C-alpha atoms as a PDB file:
ATOM      1  CA  MET A   1       0.000   0.000   0.000  1.00  0.00           C
ATOM      2  CA  ILE A   2       1.324   3.451  -0.939  1.00  0.00           C
ATOM      3  CA  ARG A   3       1.588   5.892   1.996  1.00  0.00           C
ATOM      4  CA  LEU A   4       3.950   8.495   0.481  1.00  0.00           C
ATOM      5  CA  PHE A   5       3.540   9.891  -3.055  1.00  0.00           C
ATOM      6  CA  VAL A   6       6.654  11.821  -4.144  1.00  0.00           C
ATOM      7  CA  SER A   7       6.464  14.003  -7.251  1.00  0.00           C
ATOM      8  CA  ASP A   8       8.890  16.187  -9.137  1.00  0.00           C
ATOM      9  CA  LEU A   9       7.436  19.582 -10.120  1.00  0.00           C
ATOM     10  CA  ASP A  10       8.592  20.958 -13.483  1.00  0.00           C
ATOM     11  CA  GLY A  11       7.665  18.569 -16.267  1.00  0.00           C
ATOM     12  CA  THR A  12       5.810  16.308 -13.843  1.00  0.00           C
ATOM     13  CA  LEU A  13       3.202  17.890 -11.558  1.00  0.00           C
ATOM     14  CA  LEU A  14       3.366  21.118 -13.588  1.00  0.00           C
ATOM     15  CA  ASN A  15       2.265  21.267 -17.219  1.00  0.00           C
ATOM     16  CA  GLU A  16       4.137  23.000 -20.043  1.00  0.00           C
ATOM     17  CA  ASP A  17       2.742  26.359 -18.871  1.00  0.00           C
ATOM     18  CA  HIS A  18       4.465  25.706 -15.513  1.00  0.00           C
ATOM     19  CA  VAL A  19       1.192  25.510 -13.577  1.00  0.00           C
ATOM     20  CA  VAL A  20      -0.698  22.733 -11.795  1.00  0.00           C
ATOM     21  CA  SER A  21      -3.732  21.700 -13.856  1.00  0.00           C
ATOM     22  CA  LYS A  22      -7.184  21.592 -12.273  1.00  0.00           C
ATOM     23  CA  GLU A  23      -7.225  17.811 -12.583  1.00  0.00           C
ATOM     24  CA  ASN A  24      -3.882  17.486 -10.818  1.00  0.00           C
ATOM     25  CA  ILE A  25      -5.036  19.844  -8.043  1.00  0.00           C
ATOM     26  CA  LYS A  26      -8.144  17.734  -7.512  1.00  0.00           C
ATOM     27  CA  ALA A  27      -6.128  14.509  -7.464  1.00  0.00           C
ATOM     28  CA  VAL A  28      -3.477  15.737  -5.008  1.00  0.00           C
ATOM     29  CA  GLU A  29      -6.163  16.935  -2.614  1.00  0.00           C
ATOM     30  CA  MET A  30      -7.805  13.494  -2.880  1.00  0.00           C
ATOM     31  CA  LEU A  31      -4.575  11.883  -1.675  1.00  0.00           C
ATOM     32  CA  ARG A  32      -4.819  13.741   1.619  1.00  0.00           C
ATOM     33  CA  HIS A  33      -8.454  12.721   2.108  1.00  0.00           C
ATOM     34  CA  HIS A  34      -7.402   9.085   1.652  1.00  0.00           C
ATOM     35  CA  GLY A  35      -4.516   9.267   4.127  1.00  0.00           C
ATOM     36  CA  VAL A  36      -1.671   9.304   1.589  1.00  0.00           C
ATOM     37  CA  SER A  37       1.040  11.943   2.079  1.00  0.00           C
ATOM     38  CA  PHE A  38       1.988  14.027  -0.958  1.00  0.00           C
ATOM     39  CA  MET A  39       5.554  15.341  -1.077  1.00  0.00           C
ATOM     40  CA  PRO A  40       7.101  17.485  -3.848  1.00  0.00           C
ATOM     41  CA  ALA A  41      10.784  16.844  -4.597  1.00  0.00           C
ATOM     42  CA  SER A  42      12.201  19.609  -6.745  1.00  0.00           C
ATOM     43  CA  GLY A  43      15.357  21.301  -7.902  1.00  0.00           C
ATOM     44  CA  ARG A  44      13.635  24.582  -7.037  1.00  0.00           C
ATOM     45  CA  ASP A  45      14.393  26.444  -3.845  1.00  0.00           C
ATOM     46  CA  TYR A  46      11.788  26.419  -1.078  1.00  0.00           C
ATOM     47  CA  LEU A  47      10.196  29.750  -2.021  1.00  0.00           C
ATOM     48  CA  ALA A  48       9.830  28.862  -5.708  1.00  0.00           C
ATOM     49  CA  LEU A  49       8.530  25.413  -4.775  1.00  0.00           C
ATOM     50  CA  GLN A  50       5.834  26.889  -2.535  1.00  0.00           C
ATOM     51  CA  GLN A  51       4.820  29.350  -5.252  1.00  0.00           C
ATOM     52  CA  ALA A  52       4.374  26.479  -7.703  1.00  0.00           C
ATOM     53  CA  ILE A  53       2.072  24.448  -5.442  1.00  0.00           C
ATOM     54  CA  GLU A  54       0.139  27.424  -4.046  1.00  0.00           C
ATOM     55  CA  PRO A  55      -3.101  26.510  -5.914  1.00  0.00           C
ATOM     56  CA  ILE A  56      -3.234  23.176  -4.063  1.00  0.00           C
ATOM     57  CA  ASP A  57      -5.021  23.182  -0.706  1.00  0.00           C
ATOM     58  CA  VAL A  58      -2.214  21.137   0.845  1.00  0.00           C
ATOM     59  CA  ARG A  59       0.914  22.320   2.649  1.00  0.00           C
ATOM     60  CA  PRO A  60       3.100  19.232   2.457  1.00  0.00           C
ATOM     61  CA  LYS A  61       6.553  18.372   3.636  1.00  0.00           C
ATOM     62  CA  CYS A  62       8.920  18.836   0.702  1.00  0.00           C
ATOM     63  CA  ILE A  63      12.405  18.304  -0.688  1.00  0.00           C
ATOM     64  CA  ALA A  64      14.042  21.388  -2.208  1.00  0.00           C
ATOM     65  CA  LEU A  65      17.176  22.006  -4.275  1.00  0.00           C
ATOM     66  CA  ASN A  66      17.456  18.368  -5.394  1.00  0.00           C
ATOM     67  CA  GLY A  67      17.758  17.072  -1.833  1.00  0.00           C
ATOM     68  CA  ALA A  68      19.914  19.785  -0.279  1.00  0.00           C
ATOM     69  CA  GLN A  69      17.006  20.673   2.015  1.00  0.00           C
ATOM     70  CA  PHE A  70      14.050  18.877   3.567  1.00  0.00           C
ATOM     71  CA  TYR A  71      11.155  20.852   5.081  1.00  0.00           C
ATOM     72  CA  ASP A  72       8.315  19.591   7.248  1.00  0.00           C
ATOM     73  CA  ASN A  73       4.729  20.726   6.636  1.00  0.00           C
ATOM     74  CA  GLN A  74       5.198  23.642   9.048  1.00  0.00           C
ATOM     75  CA  GLY A  75       7.990  25.108   6.921  1.00  0.00           C
ATOM     76  CA  ASN A  76      10.789  24.048   9.257  1.00  0.00           C
ATOM     77  CA  CYS A  77      14.018  22.978   7.544  1.00  0.00           C
ATOM     78  CA  LEU A  78      15.009  19.670   9.149  1.00  0.00           C
ATOM     79  CA  VAL A  79      17.867  18.567   6.872  1.00  0.00           C
ATOM     80  CA  VAL A  80      20.565  20.602   5.103  1.00  0.00           C
ATOM     81  CA  ASN A  81      23.229  19.122   2.798  1.00  0.00           C
ATOM     82  CA  PRO A  82      25.510  22.015   1.738  1.00  0.00           C
ATOM     83  CA  LEU A  83      28.450  22.052  -0.651  1.00  0.00           C
ATOM     84  CA  GLU A  84      31.981  22.157   0.753  1.00  0.00           C
ATOM     85  CA  ARG A  85      33.796  25.494   0.485  1.00  0.00           C
ATOM     86  CA  ASP A  86      36.806  24.001  -1.347  1.00  0.00           C
ATOM     87  CA  ALA A  87      34.529  22.368  -3.920  1.00  0.00           C
ATOM     88  CA  ILE A  88      32.783  25.683  -4.588  1.00  0.00           C
ATOM     89  CA  VAL A  89      36.079  27.462  -5.223  1.00  0.00           C
ATOM     90  CA  GLU A  90      37.227  24.674  -7.557  1.00  0.00           C
ATOM     91  CA  ILE A  91      33.930  24.681  -9.464  1.00  0.00           C
ATOM     92  CA  GLN A  92      34.027  28.451  -9.984  1.00  0.00           C
ATOM     93  CA  ALA A  93      37.619  28.243 -11.249  1.00  0.00           C
ATOM     94  CA  ILE A  94      36.534  25.662 -13.837  1.00  0.00           C
ATOM     95  CA  LEU A  95      33.527  27.737 -14.884  1.00  0.00           C
ATOM     96  CA  ASP A  96      35.755  30.798 -15.285  1.00  0.00           C
ATOM     97  CA  THR A  97      37.625  28.957 -18.055  1.00  0.00           C
ATOM     98  CA  PHE A  98      34.303  28.644 -19.909  1.00  0.00           C
ATOM     99  CA  GLY A  99      33.241  32.225 -19.206  1.00  0.00           C
ATOM    100  CA  LEU A 100      30.210  31.000 -17.251  1.00  0.00           C
ATOM    101  CA  SER A 101      28.748  32.452 -14.074  1.00  0.00           C
ATOM    102  CA  PRO A 102      26.344  30.216 -12.138  1.00  0.00           C
ATOM    103  CA  ASP A 103      23.524  31.036  -9.783  1.00  0.00           C
ATOM    104  CA  TYR A 104      24.387  30.191  -6.183  1.00  0.00           C
ATOM    105  CA  TYR A 105      21.536  28.949  -4.004  1.00  0.00           C
ATOM    106  CA  ALA A 106      22.250  29.559  -0.313  1.00  0.00           C
ATOM    107  CA  THR A 107      20.128  29.275   2.817  1.00  0.00           C
ATOM    108  CA  GLU A 108      19.866  33.091   2.654  1.00  0.00           C
ATOM    109  CA  GLY A 109      18.584  33.157  -0.938  1.00  0.00           C
ATOM    110  CA  ARG A 110      19.890  33.124  -4.491  1.00  0.00           C
ATOM    111  CA  TYR A 111      23.086  34.911  -5.512  1.00  0.00           C
ATOM    112  CA  ALA A 112      24.505  35.949  -8.869  1.00  0.00           C
ATOM    113  CA  PHE A 113      27.691  37.740  -9.889  1.00  0.00           C
ATOM    114  CA  TYR A 114      27.092  40.733 -12.141  1.00  0.00           C
ATOM    115  CA  GLU A 115      28.879  44.055 -12.556  1.00  0.00           C
ATOM    116  CA  GLY A 116      26.939  45.645 -15.437  1.00  0.00           C
ATOM    117  CA  ASP A 117      24.034  48.097 -15.341  1.00  0.00           C
ATOM    118  CA  ASP A 118      21.277  45.924 -16.873  1.00  0.00           C
ATOM    119  CA  PHE A 119      20.746  43.012 -14.503  1.00  0.00           C
ATOM    120  CA  ILE A 120      17.203  42.351 -15.763  1.00  0.00           C
ATOM    121  CA  GLY A 121      18.551  42.129 -19.311  1.00  0.00           C
ATOM    122  CA  TYR A 122      21.261  39.747 -18.111  1.00  0.00           C
ATOM    123  CA  VAL A 123      18.649  37.510 -16.467  1.00  0.00           C
ATOM    124  CA  ARG A 124      16.360  37.702 -19.509  1.00  0.00           C
ATOM    125  CA  GLU A 125      19.156  36.487 -21.799  1.00  0.00           C
ATOM    126  CA  ARG A 126      19.811  33.513 -19.503  1.00  0.00           C
ATOM    127  CA  ILE A 127      16.111  32.668 -19.276  1.00  0.00           C
ATOM    128  CA  LEU A 128      15.700  32.839 -23.057  1.00  0.00           C
ATOM    129  CA  ARG A 129      18.499  30.291 -23.397  1.00  0.00           C
ATOM    130  CA  LEU A 130      16.937  27.991 -20.833  1.00  0.00           C
ATOM    131  CA  PHE A 131      13.309  28.340 -21.886  1.00  0.00           C
ATOM    132  CA  HIS A 132      13.564  28.938 -25.625  1.00  0.00           C
ATOM    133  CA  GLY A 133      10.227  28.365 -27.353  1.00  0.00           C
ATOM    134  CA  GLU A 134       8.184  29.480 -24.326  1.00  0.00           C
ATOM    135  CA  LYS A 135       5.142  31.722 -24.700  1.00  0.00           C
ATOM    136  CA  GLN A 136       5.985  35.376 -24.018  1.00  0.00           C
ATOM    137  CA  GLU A 137       3.582  35.618 -21.076  1.00  0.00           C
ATOM    138  CA  ASN A 138       5.249  32.585 -19.494  1.00  0.00           C
ATOM    139  CA  LEU A 139       8.697  34.116 -19.982  1.00  0.00           C
ATOM    140  CA  ASP A 140       7.613  37.374 -18.340  1.00  0.00           C
ATOM    141  CA  GLU A 141       6.351  35.460 -15.292  1.00  0.00           C
ATOM    142  CA  ILE A 142       9.504  33.309 -15.116  1.00  0.00           C
ATOM    143  CA  ILE A 143      11.750  36.383 -15.286  1.00  0.00           C
ATOM    144  CA  LYS A 144       9.711  38.127 -12.568  1.00  0.00           C
ATOM    145  CA  ASN A 145      10.031  35.107 -10.276  1.00  0.00           C
ATOM    146  CA  PHE A 146      13.748  34.685 -11.020  1.00  0.00           C
ATOM    147  CA  THR A 147      14.664  38.278 -10.175  1.00  0.00           C
ATOM    148  CA  LYS A 148      12.643  38.963  -7.039  1.00  0.00           C
ATOM    149  CA  ASP A 149      14.818  36.962  -4.642  1.00  0.00           C
ATOM    150  CA  TYR A 150      18.209  37.583  -6.272  1.00  0.00           C
ATOM    151  CA  HIS A 151      21.176  39.013  -4.383  1.00  0.00           C
ATOM    152  CA  VAL A 152      23.746  40.502  -6.763  1.00  0.00           C
ATOM    153  CA  GLU A 153      27.423  40.294  -5.787  1.00  0.00           C
ATOM    154  CA  SER A 154      30.627  41.218  -7.591  1.00  0.00           C
ATOM    155  CA  ASN A 155      32.751  38.182  -6.632  1.00  0.00           C
ATOM    156  CA  LEU A 156      32.734  34.760  -5.001  1.00  0.00           C
ATOM    157  CA  THR A 157      34.585  35.866  -1.854  1.00  0.00           C
ATOM    158  CA  ASN A 158      31.519  37.804  -0.719  1.00  0.00           C
ATOM    159  CA  ILE A 159      29.423  34.646  -0.338  1.00  0.00           C
ATOM    160  CA  LEU A 160      31.928  31.923   0.588  1.00  0.00           C
ATOM    161  CA  ASP A 161      30.972  32.093   4.255  1.00  0.00           C
ATOM    162  CA  LEU A 162      27.333  31.322   3.416  1.00  0.00           C
ATOM    163  CA  GLU A 163      25.819  27.846   3.443  1.00  0.00           C
ATOM    164  CA  ILE A 164      25.684  27.166  -0.318  1.00  0.00           C
ATOM    165  CA  LEU A 165      23.324  24.372  -1.291  1.00  0.00           C
ATOM    166  CA  LYS A 166      23.251  24.304  -5.090  1.00  0.00           C
ATOM    167  CA  LEU A 167      24.838  25.868  -8.152  1.00  0.00           C
ATOM    168  CA  GLU A 168      22.884  26.196 -11.380  1.00  0.00           C
ATOM    169  CA  ILE A 169      24.851  26.652 -14.583  1.00  0.00           C
ATOM    170  CA  ILE A 170      23.123  27.757 -17.781  1.00  0.00           C
ATOM    171  CA  CYS A 171      25.253  26.559 -20.687  1.00  0.00           C
ATOM    172  CA  THR A 172      25.478  28.205 -24.091  1.00  0.00           C
ATOM    173  CA  ASP A 173      24.580  25.137 -26.162  1.00  0.00           C
ATOM    174  CA  ALA A 174      24.441  21.335 -26.024  1.00  0.00           C
ATOM    175  CA  GLN A 175      28.170  20.842 -26.680  1.00  0.00           C
ATOM    176  CA  ASN A 176      29.081  23.429 -24.056  1.00  0.00           C
ATOM    177  CA  LYS A 177      26.952  21.498 -21.550  1.00  0.00           C
ATOM    178  CA  ILE A 178      28.803  18.264 -22.354  1.00  0.00           C
ATOM    179  CA  ASP A 179      32.194  19.980 -22.051  1.00  0.00           C
ATOM    180  CA  VAL A 180      31.364  21.667 -18.736  1.00  0.00           C
ATOM    181  CA  GLN A 181      29.986  18.466 -17.214  1.00  0.00           C
ATOM    182  CA  LYS A 182      33.125  16.608 -18.282  1.00  0.00           C
ATOM    183  CA  ALA A 183      35.361  19.279 -16.755  1.00  0.00           C
ATOM    184  CA  LEU A 184      33.496  19.104 -13.437  1.00  0.00           C
ATOM    185  CA  GLU A 185      34.261  15.387 -13.072  1.00  0.00           C
ATOM    186  CA  VAL A 186      37.548  16.211 -11.324  1.00  0.00           C
ATOM    187  CA  VAL A 187      35.776  17.915  -8.400  1.00  0.00           C
ATOM    188  CA  GLN A 188      35.375  15.643  -5.370  1.00  0.00           C
ATOM    189  CA  GLY A 189      32.245  15.452  -3.203  1.00  0.00           C
ATOM    190  CA  ILE A 190      29.700  16.736  -5.718  1.00  0.00           C
ATOM    191  CA  THR A 191      26.920  15.375  -7.893  1.00  0.00           C
ATOM    192  CA  VAL A 192      25.979  16.975 -11.224  1.00  0.00           C
ATOM    193  CA  THR A 193      22.479  16.612 -12.663  1.00  0.00           C
ATOM    194  CA  SER A 194      20.189  18.480 -15.042  1.00  0.00           C
ATOM    195  CA  SER A 195      16.538  19.469 -15.200  1.00  0.00           C
ATOM    196  CA  HIS A 196      16.522  21.382 -18.502  1.00  0.00           C
ATOM    197  CA  GLU A 197      18.084  21.031 -21.919  1.00  0.00           C
ATOM    198  CA  LEU A 198      20.893  23.529 -21.270  1.00  0.00           C
ATOM    199  CA  ASN A 199      21.290  23.597 -17.490  1.00  0.00           C
ATOM    200  CA  LEU A 200      23.538  21.778 -15.044  1.00  0.00           C
ATOM    201  CA  GLU A 201      22.831  21.586 -11.318  1.00  0.00           C
ATOM    202  CA  VAL A 202      25.626  20.946  -8.829  1.00  0.00           C
ATOM    203  CA  ASN A 203      24.930  19.678  -5.323  1.00  0.00           C
ATOM    204  CA  ALA A 204      26.823  17.975  -2.517  1.00  0.00           C
ATOM    205  CA  LEU A 205      27.165  14.225  -2.982  1.00  0.00           C
ATOM    206  CA  ALA A 206      24.585  13.603  -0.243  1.00  0.00           C
ATOM    207  CA  ALA A 207      22.118  16.079  -1.766  1.00  0.00           C
ATOM    208  CA  THR A 208      20.129  13.896  -4.153  1.00  0.00           C
ATOM    209  CA  LYS A 209      16.406  13.328  -4.254  1.00  0.00           C
ATOM    210  CA  GLY A 210      16.879   9.620  -3.631  1.00  0.00           C
ATOM    211  CA  HIS A 211      19.013  10.167  -0.527  1.00  0.00           C
ATOM    212  CA  ALA A 212      16.675  12.865   0.817  1.00  0.00           C
ATOM    213  CA  ILE A 213      13.608  10.638   0.416  1.00  0.00           C
ATOM    214  CA  GLN A 214      15.406   7.888   2.320  1.00  0.00           C
ATOM    215  CA  GLN A 215      16.054  10.401   5.113  1.00  0.00           C
ATOM    216  CA  VAL A 216      12.325  11.228   5.133  1.00  0.00           C
ATOM    217  CA  CYS A 217      11.496   7.519   5.361  1.00  0.00           C
ATOM    218  CA  ASP A 218      13.863   7.147   8.308  1.00  0.00           C
ATOM    219  CA  VAL A 219      12.261  10.085  10.152  1.00  0.00           C
ATOM    220  CA  TYR A 220       8.608   9.224   9.482  1.00  0.00           C
ATOM    221  CA  GLY A 221       8.781   5.434   9.349  1.00  0.00           C
ATOM    222  CA  TYR A 222       7.827   4.822   5.715  1.00  0.00           C
ATOM    223  CA  LYS A 223       8.884   1.473   4.290  1.00  0.00           C
ATOM    224  CA  PRO A 224      10.452   1.546   0.790  1.00  0.00           C
ATOM    225  CA  GLU A 225       7.506  -0.399  -0.664  1.00  0.00           C
ATOM    226  CA  GLU A 226       5.122   2.261   0.710  1.00  0.00           C
ATOM    227  CA  VAL A 227       6.775   5.013  -1.354  1.00  0.00           C
ATOM    228  CA  LEU A 228       5.952   5.966  -4.952  1.00  0.00           C
ATOM    229  CA  VAL A 229       8.213   8.362  -6.865  1.00  0.00           C
ATOM    230  CA  VAL A 230       7.584  10.040 -10.210  1.00  0.00           C
ATOM    231  CA  GLY A 231       9.657  12.444 -12.315  1.00  0.00           C
ATOM    232  CA  ASP A 232      10.854  13.383 -15.782  1.00  0.00           C
ATOM    233  CA  GLY A 233      14.386  14.785 -15.492  1.00  0.00           C
ATOM    234  CA  LEU A 234      17.944  13.640 -14.994  1.00  0.00           C
ATOM    235  CA  ASN A 235      17.820  15.041 -11.449  1.00  0.00           C
ATOM    236  CA  ASP A 236      15.043  12.504 -10.732  1.00  0.00           C
ATOM    237  CA  ILE A 237      17.131   9.434 -11.587  1.00  0.00           C
ATOM    238  CA  SER A 238      18.481   8.993  -8.049  1.00  0.00           C
ATOM    239  CA  MET A 239      14.961   8.499  -6.666  1.00  0.00           C
ATOM    240  CA  LEU A 240      13.702   6.502  -9.654  1.00  0.00           C
ATOM    241  CA  GLU A 241      16.533   3.999  -9.231  1.00  0.00           C
ATOM    242  CA  LYS A 242      16.187   3.792  -5.446  1.00  0.00           C
ATOM    243  CA  PHE A 243      12.483   2.933  -5.097  1.00  0.00           C
ATOM    244  CA  GLU A 244      10.592   0.031  -6.637  1.00  0.00           C
ATOM    245  CA  ASN A 245       7.415   2.035  -7.267  1.00  0.00           C
ATOM    246  CA  SER A 246       9.088   4.436  -9.688  1.00  0.00           C
ATOM    247  CA  TYR A 247       7.450   6.159 -12.656  1.00  0.00           C
ATOM    248  CA  ALA A 248       8.910   8.270 -15.451  1.00  0.00           C
ATOM    249  CA  MET A 249       6.616  10.750 -17.177  1.00  0.00           C
ATOM    250  CA  GLY A 250       5.523   9.920 -20.699  1.00  0.00           C
ATOM    251  CA  GLN A 251       7.531  12.742 -22.276  1.00  0.00           C
ATOM    252  CA  ALA A 252      10.728  11.913 -20.358  1.00  0.00           C
ATOM    253  CA  SER A 253      13.920  10.970 -22.175  1.00  0.00           C
ATOM    254  CA  LYS A 254      14.910   7.360 -22.762  1.00  0.00           C
ATOM    255  CA  THR A 255      17.594   7.690 -20.072  1.00  0.00           C
ATOM    256  CA  VAL A 256      15.023   8.678 -17.446  1.00  0.00           C
ATOM    257  CA  LYS A 257      12.540   6.019 -18.555  1.00  0.00           C
ATOM    258  CA  ASN A 258      15.248   3.363 -18.287  1.00  0.00           C
ATOM    259  CA  ALA A 259      15.847   4.400 -14.665  1.00  0.00           C
ATOM    260  CA  ALA A 260      12.176   3.893 -13.739  1.00  0.00           C
ATOM    261  CA  ASN A 261      10.183   0.684 -13.467  1.00  0.00           C
ATOM    262  CA  TYR A 262       7.027   2.146 -15.002  1.00  0.00           C
ATOM    263  CA  VAL A 263       5.935   4.962 -17.317  1.00  0.00           C
ATOM    264  CA  ALA A 264       3.058   7.361 -16.604  1.00  0.00           C
ATOM    265  CA  LEU A 265       1.212   9.579 -19.059  1.00  0.00           C
ATOM    266  CA  SER A 266       2.844  12.915 -19.939  1.00  0.00           C
ATOM    267  CA  ASN A 267       2.474  16.136 -17.955  1.00  0.00           C
ATOM    268  CA  GLU A 268       0.228  17.491 -20.723  1.00  0.00           C
ATOM    269  CA  GLU A 269      -2.116  14.518 -20.241  1.00  0.00           C
ATOM    270  CA  ASP A 270      -2.530  15.021 -16.477  1.00  0.00           C
ATOM    271  CA  GLY A 271      -0.265  12.041 -15.930  1.00  0.00           C
ATOM    272  CA  ILE A 272       0.016  12.746 -12.196  1.00  0.00           C
ATOM    273  CA  ALA A 273      -3.755  12.790 -11.702  1.00  0.00           C
ATOM    274  CA  LYS A 274      -4.166   9.510 -13.573  1.00  0.00           C
ATOM    275  CA  LEU A 275      -1.385   7.944 -11.504  1.00  0.00           C
ATOM    276  CA  ILE A 276      -2.933   9.160  -8.243  1.00  0.00           C
ATOM    277  CA  TYR A 277      -6.306   7.674  -9.179  1.00  0.00           C
ATOM    278  CA  LYS A 278      -4.557   4.354  -9.870  1.00  0.00           C
ATOM    279  CA  VAL A 279      -2.766   4.493  -6.505  1.00  0.00           C
ATOM    280  CA  LEU A 280      -6.000   5.166  -4.628  1.00  0.00           C
ATOM    281  CA  GLU A 281      -7.761   2.353  -6.478  1.00  0.00           C
ATOM    282  CA  ASP A 282      -4.927  -0.097  -5.766  1.00  0.00           C
ATOM    283  CA  ASN A 283      -4.787   0.971  -2.103  1.00  0.00           C
ATOM    284  CA  GLU A 284      -8.511   0.347  -1.732  1.00  0.00           C
ATOM    285  CA  LYS A 285      -8.232  -3.108  -3.294  1.00  0.00           C
ATOM    286  CA  GLU A 286      -5.349  -4.009  -0.985  1.00  0.00           C
ATOM    287  CA  ALA A 287      -7.244  -2.752   2.073  1.00  0.00           C
ATOM    288  CA  ASN A 288     -10.231  -4.943   1.187  1.00  0.00           C
ATOM    289  CA  GLN A 289      -8.223  -8.135   0.728  1.00  0.00           C
END
């Protein structure tokens, strides 16, 4: 019987307009009424995660920044898995050779290095690379959300004393992404994943969705067979490989589908809602046996 339903956000619970559909909202709220816990596991930070699930009348425990943080349903951060200072310095030195400046996600917020006079234009250019093909109204909303919690600094030294949880690198093209990921292989104590076509996300080795979900199970007493996980991106592979009840979304890449045991419908087909209805039906059958 499933007691914990874990879902990625972008490309999974959220549709291509980056919102939760009415059908998915209805289904997630049904989980609660049937005694099944719903838990988002996202590469987003806590604030952006909460904004995404705001339409749902549920305030769940959640995993943020790919497993760097775990929050209970009261908004208390119970687990933090930060990057080591030496690793951060080494990563930035490598990125300097590519002319790339990442976003730094810290417990105090998001940081970027910029010395020009058009920060919004700088962010817009990065967003256009990451979300090319998006509707203009979606881009405007994404840019607004990206810039409202930014702290702008001129160099790395200013933030090295902070607890840094994740770096996000927006690459220039597909080959650049391959080259950067290859170069980062020399850095010890990190894991590199991706949630978009041109991005790379760097976390501490312990900060994966799979590891964080196991920590949740240890705290709340969930058995592995009572957990269902579903996602669509490379940063979901750690949880898809770890749990038996693992689903890749229908539009996911072959790599992600190979990591999962099952395939759900796509995020444009309300795949999460359909999967929830199946879980509730299977739970009821098992309870009546």
